N, C-alpha and C. Protein backbone atom coordinates (compact mmCIF):
# COMPACT_ATOMS: atom_id res chain seq x y z
N MET A 1 0.82 -1.19 0.00
CA MET A 1 0.00 0.00 0.00
C MET A 1 0.87 1.26 0.00
N ARG A 2 1.88 1.28 0.90
CA ARG A 2 2.77 2.44 0.97
C ARG A 2 3.49 2.67 -0.35
N ILE A 3 3.93 1.59 -0.97
CA ILE A 3 4.66 1.71 -2.24
C ILE A 3 3.75 2.33 -3.30
N GLY A 4 2.47 1.95 -3.32
CA GLY A 4 1.52 2.52 -4.28
C GLY A 4 1.33 4.01 -4.06
N ILE A 5 1.22 4.41 -2.81
CA ILE A 5 1.05 5.83 -2.48
C ILE A 5 2.30 6.61 -2.86
N LEU A 6 3.48 6.06 -2.52
CA LEU A 6 4.73 6.73 -2.88
C LEU A 6 4.89 6.85 -4.39
N ALA A 7 4.50 5.83 -5.12
CA ALA A 7 4.58 5.87 -6.58
C ALA A 7 3.64 6.93 -7.15
N ALA A 8 2.45 7.04 -6.59
CA ALA A 8 1.50 8.06 -7.05
C ALA A 8 2.02 9.46 -6.77
N VAL A 9 2.57 9.68 -5.59
CA VAL A 9 3.14 10.99 -5.25
C VAL A 9 4.31 11.31 -6.16
N ALA A 10 5.17 10.34 -6.42
CA ALA A 10 6.31 10.55 -7.31
C ALA A 10 5.85 10.88 -8.73
N ALA A 11 4.83 10.21 -9.20
CA ALA A 11 4.30 10.48 -10.55
C ALA A 11 3.74 11.89 -10.64
N LEU A 12 3.03 12.32 -9.63
CA LEU A 12 2.49 13.69 -9.63
C LEU A 12 3.59 14.73 -9.57
N ALA A 13 4.61 14.45 -8.79
CA ALA A 13 5.72 15.40 -8.65
C ALA A 13 6.48 15.55 -9.96
N THR A 14 6.67 14.47 -10.69
CA THR A 14 7.41 14.57 -11.94
C THR A 14 6.55 15.11 -13.07
N ALA A 15 5.23 15.04 -12.95
CA ALA A 15 4.34 15.52 -14.01
C ALA A 15 4.07 17.01 -13.91
N SER A 16 4.35 17.63 -12.78
CA SER A 16 3.96 19.02 -12.58
C SER A 16 4.53 20.00 -13.62
N PRO A 17 5.78 19.88 -14.10
CA PRO A 17 6.24 20.82 -15.11
C PRO A 17 5.42 20.75 -16.40
N ALA A 18 4.92 19.58 -16.74
CA ALA A 18 4.13 19.44 -17.95
C ALA A 18 2.76 20.09 -17.81
N LEU A 19 2.34 20.35 -16.58
CA LEU A 19 1.04 20.95 -16.33
C LEU A 19 1.09 22.47 -16.27
N ALA A 20 2.23 23.05 -16.50
CA ALA A 20 2.35 24.51 -16.45
C ALA A 20 1.54 25.12 -17.58
N HIS A 21 0.88 26.22 -17.30
CA HIS A 21 0.10 26.93 -18.31
C HIS A 21 0.86 28.17 -18.75
N PRO A 22 0.68 28.59 -20.01
CA PRO A 22 1.38 29.80 -20.46
C PRO A 22 0.87 31.03 -19.72
N LYS A 23 1.79 31.89 -19.37
CA LYS A 23 1.45 33.15 -18.71
C LYS A 23 1.94 34.29 -19.58
N LEU A 24 1.19 35.37 -19.64
CA LEU A 24 1.61 36.55 -20.38
C LEU A 24 2.78 37.18 -19.63
N VAL A 25 3.93 37.25 -20.31
CA VAL A 25 5.16 37.78 -19.71
C VAL A 25 5.32 39.26 -20.03
N SER A 26 5.04 39.64 -21.28
CA SER A 26 5.14 41.04 -21.67
C SER A 26 4.22 41.31 -22.86
N ALA A 27 3.89 42.59 -23.03
CA ALA A 27 3.01 42.98 -24.13
C ALA A 27 3.40 44.37 -24.61
N THR A 28 3.28 44.56 -25.93
CA THR A 28 3.53 45.86 -26.54
C THR A 28 2.36 46.16 -27.46
N PRO A 29 1.56 47.17 -27.18
CA PRO A 29 1.59 48.04 -26.01
C PRO A 29 1.24 47.28 -24.72
N ALA A 30 1.74 47.82 -23.64
CA ALA A 30 1.52 47.21 -22.33
C ALA A 30 0.09 47.50 -21.86
N PRO A 31 -0.43 46.67 -20.95
CA PRO A 31 -1.75 46.95 -20.40
C PRO A 31 -1.81 48.37 -19.80
N ASN A 32 -2.90 49.05 -20.08
CA ASN A 32 -3.19 50.40 -19.58
C ASN A 32 -2.23 51.48 -20.10
N ALA A 33 -1.44 51.17 -21.11
CA ALA A 33 -0.49 52.14 -21.67
C ALA A 33 -1.21 53.13 -22.58
N SER A 34 -0.58 54.28 -22.76
CA SER A 34 -1.02 55.28 -23.73
C SER A 34 0.14 55.42 -24.72
N VAL A 35 -0.13 55.06 -25.99
CA VAL A 35 0.95 54.96 -26.97
C VAL A 35 0.63 55.74 -28.23
N ALA A 36 1.65 56.00 -29.04
CA ALA A 36 1.47 56.60 -30.36
C ALA A 36 0.86 55.55 -31.28
N ALA A 37 0.33 55.99 -32.41
CA ALA A 37 -0.28 55.07 -33.37
C ALA A 37 0.68 53.95 -33.71
N THR A 38 0.16 52.74 -33.76
CA THR A 38 0.98 51.57 -34.04
C THR A 38 0.22 50.62 -34.96
N GLY A 39 0.94 49.89 -35.75
CA GLY A 39 0.35 48.91 -36.65
C GLY A 39 0.72 47.49 -36.27
N ARG A 40 1.37 47.34 -35.10
CA ARG A 40 1.84 46.02 -34.68
C ARG A 40 1.76 45.89 -33.16
N LEU A 41 1.27 44.77 -32.71
CA LEU A 41 1.21 44.47 -31.29
C LEU A 41 1.91 43.14 -31.05
N GLN A 42 2.47 42.95 -29.87
CA GLN A 42 3.17 41.71 -29.54
C GLN A 42 2.82 41.29 -28.13
N LEU A 43 2.56 40.02 -27.96
CA LEU A 43 2.33 39.44 -26.64
C LEU A 43 3.28 38.26 -26.49
N THR A 44 4.10 38.27 -25.45
CA THR A 44 5.07 37.20 -25.23
C THR A 44 4.64 36.39 -24.01
N PHE A 45 4.68 35.07 -24.17
CA PHE A 45 4.23 34.15 -23.14
C PHE A 45 5.38 33.31 -22.59
N SER A 46 5.13 32.66 -21.48
CA SER A 46 6.16 31.89 -20.78
C SER A 46 6.40 30.51 -21.39
N GLU A 47 5.52 30.05 -22.24
CA GLU A 47 5.61 28.70 -22.81
C GLU A 47 5.49 28.78 -24.34
N PRO A 48 6.05 27.81 -25.06
CA PRO A 48 5.80 27.74 -26.51
C PRO A 48 4.31 27.51 -26.78
N LEU A 49 3.79 28.14 -27.83
CA LEU A 49 2.37 28.12 -28.14
C LEU A 49 2.05 27.23 -29.34
N VAL A 50 0.82 26.76 -29.39
CA VAL A 50 0.30 26.05 -30.55
C VAL A 50 -0.37 27.11 -31.42
N ALA A 51 0.26 27.46 -32.53
CA ALA A 51 -0.20 28.58 -33.37
C ALA A 51 -1.64 28.41 -33.83
N LYS A 52 -2.01 27.21 -34.20
CA LYS A 52 -3.35 26.95 -34.73
C LYS A 52 -4.47 27.32 -33.75
N PHE A 53 -4.18 27.28 -32.46
CA PHE A 53 -5.19 27.53 -31.44
C PHE A 53 -4.94 28.79 -30.63
N SER A 54 -4.08 29.66 -31.10
CA SER A 54 -3.74 30.89 -30.38
C SER A 54 -4.07 32.10 -31.24
N GLY A 55 -4.61 33.15 -30.63
CA GLY A 55 -4.94 34.34 -31.40
C GLY A 55 -5.47 35.46 -30.52
N VAL A 56 -5.93 36.52 -31.17
CA VAL A 56 -6.45 37.69 -30.46
C VAL A 56 -7.67 38.25 -31.19
N GLU A 57 -8.40 39.06 -30.46
CA GLU A 57 -9.43 39.91 -31.04
C GLU A 57 -9.18 41.31 -30.49
N LEU A 58 -9.08 42.27 -31.38
CA LEU A 58 -8.83 43.65 -30.99
C LEU A 58 -10.06 44.47 -31.33
N VAL A 59 -10.58 45.20 -30.34
CA VAL A 59 -11.75 46.05 -30.58
C VAL A 59 -11.48 47.46 -30.07
N MET A 60 -12.02 48.43 -30.81
CA MET A 60 -11.98 49.83 -30.37
C MET A 60 -13.21 50.04 -29.51
N THR A 61 -13.02 50.53 -28.28
CA THR A 61 -14.13 50.72 -27.35
C THR A 61 -14.56 52.17 -27.24
N ASP A 62 -13.68 53.10 -27.66
CA ASP A 62 -14.02 54.52 -27.60
C ASP A 62 -13.17 55.28 -28.61
N MET A 63 -13.79 56.24 -29.29
CA MET A 63 -13.07 57.08 -30.24
C MET A 63 -13.40 58.53 -29.93
N PRO A 64 -12.38 59.38 -29.81
CA PRO A 64 -12.64 60.79 -29.50
C PRO A 64 -13.58 61.42 -30.54
N GLY A 65 -14.62 62.12 -30.04
CA GLY A 65 -15.54 62.83 -30.92
C GLY A 65 -16.59 61.95 -31.59
N MET A 66 -16.65 60.67 -31.22
CA MET A 66 -17.62 59.78 -31.85
C MET A 66 -18.27 58.90 -30.79
N LYS A 67 -19.59 58.89 -30.74
CA LYS A 67 -20.30 58.05 -29.79
C LYS A 67 -20.34 56.63 -30.34
N MET A 68 -19.86 55.68 -29.55
CA MET A 68 -19.85 54.28 -29.98
C MET A 68 -20.81 53.49 -29.10
N SER A 69 -21.82 52.88 -29.72
CA SER A 69 -22.78 52.07 -28.95
C SER A 69 -22.25 50.65 -28.72
N THR A 70 -21.44 50.16 -29.64
CA THR A 70 -20.83 48.84 -29.48
C THR A 70 -19.36 48.93 -29.90
N PRO A 71 -18.51 48.09 -29.32
CA PRO A 71 -17.10 48.09 -29.74
C PRO A 71 -16.97 47.74 -31.22
N MET A 72 -15.98 48.33 -31.88
CA MET A 72 -15.74 48.09 -33.30
C MET A 72 -14.54 47.16 -33.44
N LYS A 73 -14.78 46.00 -34.07
CA LYS A 73 -13.71 45.02 -34.26
C LYS A 73 -12.71 45.55 -35.29
N MET A 74 -11.43 45.43 -34.96
CA MET A 74 -10.36 45.87 -35.85
C MET A 74 -9.84 44.67 -36.63
N THR A 75 -9.61 44.87 -37.92
CA THR A 75 -9.09 43.79 -38.76
C THR A 75 -7.59 43.67 -38.56
N ALA A 76 -7.16 42.45 -38.26
CA ALA A 76 -5.73 42.22 -38.01
C ALA A 76 -5.41 40.77 -38.33
N SER A 77 -4.14 40.54 -38.68
CA SER A 77 -3.67 39.16 -38.85
C SER A 77 -2.82 38.80 -37.64
N THR A 78 -2.90 37.55 -37.26
CA THR A 78 -2.19 37.07 -36.08
C THR A 78 -1.31 35.89 -36.45
N ALA A 79 -0.09 35.88 -35.91
CA ALA A 79 0.83 34.76 -36.14
C ALA A 79 1.69 34.57 -34.90
N VAL A 80 2.16 33.35 -34.71
CA VAL A 80 3.12 33.09 -33.64
C VAL A 80 4.50 33.32 -34.23
N GLY A 81 5.31 34.13 -33.52
CA GLY A 81 6.64 34.49 -33.99
C GLY A 81 7.61 33.32 -34.00
N PRO A 82 8.81 33.53 -34.56
CA PRO A 82 9.83 32.48 -34.68
C PRO A 82 10.25 31.86 -33.34
N ASP A 83 10.14 32.62 -32.25
CA ASP A 83 10.53 32.07 -30.94
C ASP A 83 9.50 31.08 -30.40
N GLY A 84 8.31 31.03 -31.02
CA GLY A 84 7.27 30.11 -30.60
C GLY A 84 6.48 30.57 -29.39
N LYS A 85 6.91 31.66 -28.76
CA LYS A 85 6.26 32.15 -27.54
C LYS A 85 5.58 33.51 -27.72
N THR A 86 5.75 34.13 -28.89
CA THR A 86 5.23 35.48 -29.11
C THR A 86 4.12 35.48 -30.14
N VAL A 87 3.00 36.09 -29.77
CA VAL A 87 1.90 36.30 -30.71
C VAL A 87 2.11 37.70 -31.30
N VAL A 88 2.21 37.76 -32.63
CA VAL A 88 2.42 39.03 -33.33
C VAL A 88 1.12 39.37 -34.05
N VAL A 89 0.61 40.57 -33.77
CA VAL A 89 -0.62 41.06 -34.38
C VAL A 89 -0.24 42.17 -35.34
N THR A 90 -0.58 42.00 -36.62
CA THR A 90 -0.25 42.99 -37.63
C THR A 90 -1.54 43.58 -38.18
N LEU A 91 -1.62 44.91 -38.17
CA LEU A 91 -2.79 45.62 -38.67
C LEU A 91 -2.52 46.16 -40.06
N ALA A 92 -3.56 46.30 -40.86
CA ALA A 92 -3.41 46.82 -42.22
C ALA A 92 -2.89 48.25 -42.21
N LYS A 93 -3.29 49.03 -41.21
CA LYS A 93 -2.81 50.41 -41.06
C LYS A 93 -2.73 50.73 -39.57
N PRO A 94 -1.96 51.74 -39.21
CA PRO A 94 -1.83 52.08 -37.78
C PRO A 94 -3.19 52.38 -37.15
N LEU A 95 -3.33 52.04 -35.89
CA LEU A 95 -4.57 52.27 -35.16
C LEU A 95 -4.83 53.77 -35.01
N PRO A 96 -6.07 54.21 -35.24
CA PRO A 96 -6.40 55.62 -35.00
C PRO A 96 -6.51 55.89 -33.50
N ARG A 97 -6.55 57.18 -33.16
CA ARG A 97 -6.70 57.58 -31.75
C ARG A 97 -7.95 56.93 -31.17
N GLY A 98 -7.83 56.46 -29.95
CA GLY A 98 -8.97 55.86 -29.27
C GLY A 98 -8.54 54.91 -28.18
N THR A 99 -9.53 54.25 -27.61
CA THR A 99 -9.31 53.29 -26.55
C THR A 99 -9.61 51.90 -27.10
N TYR A 100 -8.77 50.93 -26.74
CA TYR A 100 -8.87 49.58 -27.30
C TYR A 100 -8.88 48.53 -26.20
N ARG A 101 -9.48 47.38 -26.55
CA ARG A 101 -9.43 46.20 -25.69
C ARG A 101 -8.87 45.05 -26.52
N LEU A 102 -7.88 44.39 -25.98
CA LEU A 102 -7.26 43.24 -26.64
C LEU A 102 -7.63 41.99 -25.86
N ASP A 103 -8.38 41.10 -26.49
CA ASP A 103 -8.74 39.81 -25.89
C ASP A 103 -7.85 38.76 -26.53
N TRP A 104 -7.11 38.01 -25.74
CA TRP A 104 -6.21 37.00 -26.28
C TRP A 104 -6.56 35.61 -25.73
N HIS A 105 -6.21 34.60 -26.51
CA HIS A 105 -6.34 33.21 -26.08
C HIS A 105 -5.15 32.45 -26.67
N VAL A 106 -4.56 31.61 -25.86
CA VAL A 106 -3.42 30.82 -26.31
C VAL A 106 -3.53 29.39 -25.78
N VAL A 107 -2.89 28.49 -26.50
CA VAL A 107 -2.79 27.09 -26.09
C VAL A 107 -1.33 26.70 -26.20
N SER A 108 -0.81 26.08 -25.14
CA SER A 108 0.57 25.58 -25.19
C SER A 108 0.53 24.07 -25.33
N SER A 109 1.68 23.44 -25.28
CA SER A 109 1.76 22.00 -25.50
C SER A 109 0.97 21.20 -24.47
N ASP A 110 0.61 21.80 -23.34
CA ASP A 110 -0.20 21.06 -22.35
C ASP A 110 -1.67 20.98 -22.77
N THR A 111 -2.00 21.62 -23.87
CA THR A 111 -3.33 21.64 -24.51
C THR A 111 -4.42 22.35 -23.71
N HIS A 112 -4.05 23.09 -22.69
CA HIS A 112 -5.04 23.87 -21.95
C HIS A 112 -5.10 25.28 -22.52
N ARG A 113 -6.31 25.75 -22.77
CA ARG A 113 -6.51 27.09 -23.29
C ARG A 113 -6.49 28.08 -22.14
N VAL A 114 -5.73 29.16 -22.33
CA VAL A 114 -5.63 30.23 -21.36
C VAL A 114 -6.03 31.50 -22.08
N LYS A 115 -6.79 32.36 -21.41
CA LYS A 115 -7.22 33.60 -22.06
C LYS A 115 -7.09 34.77 -21.11
N GLY A 116 -7.09 35.96 -21.70
CA GLY A 116 -6.99 37.17 -20.91
C GLY A 116 -7.40 38.36 -21.76
N SER A 117 -7.38 39.51 -21.12
CA SER A 117 -7.81 40.72 -21.79
C SER A 117 -7.16 41.92 -21.11
N TYR A 118 -6.88 42.95 -21.88
CA TYR A 118 -6.42 44.20 -21.29
C TYR A 118 -6.72 45.36 -22.24
N GLY A 119 -6.67 46.55 -21.70
CA GLY A 119 -6.94 47.73 -22.50
C GLY A 119 -5.72 48.61 -22.65
N PHE A 120 -5.75 49.46 -23.68
CA PHE A 120 -4.71 50.47 -23.89
C PHE A 120 -5.30 51.60 -24.71
N MET A 121 -4.58 52.70 -24.80
CA MET A 121 -5.06 53.88 -25.51
C MET A 121 -4.05 54.32 -26.56
N VAL A 122 -4.54 54.73 -27.72
CA VAL A 122 -3.69 55.34 -28.74
C VAL A 122 -4.00 56.83 -28.71
N ARG A 123 -2.95 57.63 -28.54
CA ARG A 123 -3.13 59.09 -28.43
C ARG A 123 -2.84 59.79 -29.72
């Protein structure tokens, strides 16, 4: 009985690194930042990502001088960078002045989906 319990504890202890989930390490623009117009965003994670299941949605939530009843989805292409840990968002043209929300979702080799969201402003 003791050997079975010890084996189970040992198996759990050795499996824990494989259960790590990707965490957002850095982002450009950073959460809550106020930045100049940009046509590229980057999110870097702690684990290599599965590109097919990782991406973002970028929406404009407020525009100076214009009343917005619903957020406006921004057209962008998303790819995982050469390092395997960075999601690169490329826009057709630089973002106009306004407030934005970036919703992201990523999957790493542990196959668990992790998601998050943050806002930033273009001045």
